[in-house]
Amino acid sequence: MSMNDAYQPINCDDYDNLELACQNHLLLTLELKSGEVFKAKASDLVSRKNIEYLILDDAGATREVRLDKITSFSHPEIGTVVVSES
């Protein structure tokens, strides 16, 4: 893993908003640092080897996204959250 790929934890408030989204299985619009934008249902948050992931239901397929690869996420109940590192 290069130094640029070292995991950077996200801000606690942003993490809390993702927890809320998972608890309520909200359909989020996500923008990744790669520029990809998509909609998927928030399912769970997991941590593996000190890296945190958002588990999503993307049209029936399970998708995992590293939290530090998310630029922003939005839903009408929580607004738009621009993710920042802690």
Protein backbone atom coordinates (compact mmCIF):
# COMPACT_ATOMS: atom_id res chain seq x y z
CA MET A 1 0.00 0.00 0.00
CA SER A 2 1.45 3.36 -0.96
CA MET A 3 1.48 6.30 1.42
CA ASN A 4 -1.33 7.89 -0.60
CA ASP A 5 -3.52 4.85 0.15
CA ALA A 6 -3.06 5.00 3.93
CA TYR A 7 -6.51 5.15 5.50
CA GLN A 8 -7.54 8.55 6.87
CA PRO A 9 -10.46 8.33 9.34
CA ILE A 10 -13.36 10.65 8.59
CA ASN A 11 -14.81 13.28 10.93
CA CYS A 12 -16.95 11.82 13.76
CA ASP A 13 -20.02 13.89 12.78
CA ASP A 14 -19.83 12.53 9.22
CA TYR A 15 -19.51 8.99 10.59
CA ASP A 16 -22.57 9.58 12.81
CA ASN A 17 -24.57 10.69 9.77
CA LEU A 18 -23.57 7.49 7.96
CA GLU A 19 -24.64 5.45 11.01
CA LEU A 20 -28.03 7.17 10.91
CA ALA A 21 -28.31 6.44 7.19
CA CYS A 22 -27.55 2.74 7.81
CA GLN A 23 -30.01 2.45 10.71
CA ASN A 24 -32.76 3.86 8.48
CA HIS A 25 -31.57 2.13 5.26
CA LEU A 26 -31.57 5.47 3.46
CA LEU A 27 -31.03 5.70 -0.28
CA LEU A 28 -27.95 7.91 -0.52
CA THR A 29 -26.48 9.80 -3.43
CA LEU A 30 -22.72 9.36 -3.08
CA GLU A 31 -19.86 11.14 -4.78
CA LEU A 32 -16.48 9.47 -4.61
CA LYS A 33 -13.07 11.10 -4.87
CA SER A 34 -12.69 9.29 -8.20
CA GLY A 35 -15.55 11.44 -9.54
CA GLU A 36 -18.05 8.57 -9.65
CA VAL A 37 -21.59 9.50 -8.54
CA PHE A 38 -24.22 6.86 -7.78
CA LYS A 39 -27.25 6.08 -5.61
CA ALA A 40 -27.37 3.12 -3.25
CA LYS A 41 -29.07 2.09 -0.01
CA ALA A 42 -26.92 2.38 3.12
CA SER A 43 -26.76 -0.97 4.89
CA ASP A 44 -23.91 -1.16 7.42
CA LEU A 45 -20.54 0.18 8.56
CA VAL A 46 -17.70 -2.25 9.12
CA SER A 47 -14.04 -2.02 10.05
CA ARG A 48 -11.40 -4.41 8.70
CA LYS A 49 -7.69 -4.06 9.45
CA ASN A 50 -8.25 -0.49 10.74
CA ILE A 51 -10.04 0.59 7.54
CA GLU A 52 -13.73 1.58 7.74
CA TYR A 53 -16.17 0.71 4.97
CA LEU A 54 -19.74 1.65 4.13
CA ILE A 55 -21.73 -1.37 2.97
CA LEU A 56 -24.31 -0.46 0.34
CA ASP A 57 -27.10 -2.22 -1.53
CA ASP A 58 -26.54 -1.05 -5.11
CA ALA A 59 -29.45 -2.38 -7.22
CA GLY A 60 -29.42 -5.72 -5.39
CA ALA A 61 -25.64 -6.07 -5.35
CA THR A 62 -23.54 -5.50 -2.23
CA ARG A 63 -20.91 -2.82 -2.59
CA GLU A 64 -18.24 -1.73 -0.11
CA VAL A 65 -16.77 1.78 -0.19
CA ARG A 66 -13.88 2.96 1.96
CA LEU A 67 -15.09 5.93 3.99
CA ASP A 68 -12.05 8.02 3.08
CA LYS A 69 -12.88 7.60 -0.63
CA ILE A 70 -16.24 9.38 -0.22
CA THR A 71 -16.32 13.09 -1.14
CA SER A 72 -19.96 13.64 -0.18
CA PHE A 73 -23.27 11.90 0.42
CA SER A 74 -26.80 13.22 0.52
CA HIS A 75 -30.39 12.36 1.36
CA PRO A 76 -33.38 14.68 1.96
CA GLU A 77 -33.51 13.73 5.68
CA ILE A 78 -29.85 14.56 6.37
CA GLY A 79 -29.02 17.05 3.61
CA THR A 80 -25.70 17.01 1.80
CA VAL A 81 -22.66 16.06 3.84
CA VAL A 82 -19.21 16.90 2.52
CA VAL A 83 -16.91 14.36 4.14
CA SER A 84 -13.84 15.67 5.92
CA GLU A 85 -10.98 13.85 7.57
CA SER A 86 -10.77 13.86 11.34
